[in-house]
Amino acid sequence: MGECFKCIPLCSGSRLTFLLSPIAFHPASVLFETPNHSQLLEKVGLRQLVSDVIDELVQLATTQGCSFPPEFRNKVIEQMTAQTDAKSPMYQDYLARRPMEVESFLGSPVRLAVENGVRLPRTETLYAMLHHVNIVNQSKPPSDSPPPNAPVRNSGVPPPHRPMNG
């Protein structure tokens, strides 16, 4: 995905939307454990983060000869929030504890930015964070084992009744 930044002179709007959309949304959805992109944007600071990442990637693509209509960012956000049910491949990899495409999504644009003297502070931060989460996630025990100190429940036994605090 991010490797395609090197072939960006083929700057058709739909191709670029296809490339920038997942880079702006999928890493954040993993980091904030929110596969639904509409719900992701409701979290504190996430709408601004996603908008800023899109702007950074547009700036980078502009150095490669691309141009964008003024409404491009809003169009990307609208398209990505229209997809409500499907979990992204990156989110599915995260849940399955498979290696995520961190280098493709974030590493490649960050390297291209360095080569072109462009700063991508938010994208660089997402890259560092997701790189770490990817390593830690793969080293966790299989998800079928309960977390430490989690109560074990027999499926035929109802959960204990807890009094409500009034």
Foldseek 3Di string as FASTA:
>chain_A
DQLCLVVCVVPDLVVVLVQLLCLLQVLQCQVVVNQQLVVSCVPPPSVVLSLLLSVLVQVLSVVVVYDDDPCSSVVSSVVRNVDGPDGDPQNVCLLQLHQGPLCRSQVSSVVSCVVVVGDRPSSVVSSVVSVVSSVVSNPDDGPVDDDPPDDDDDPVDDDDDDDDDD
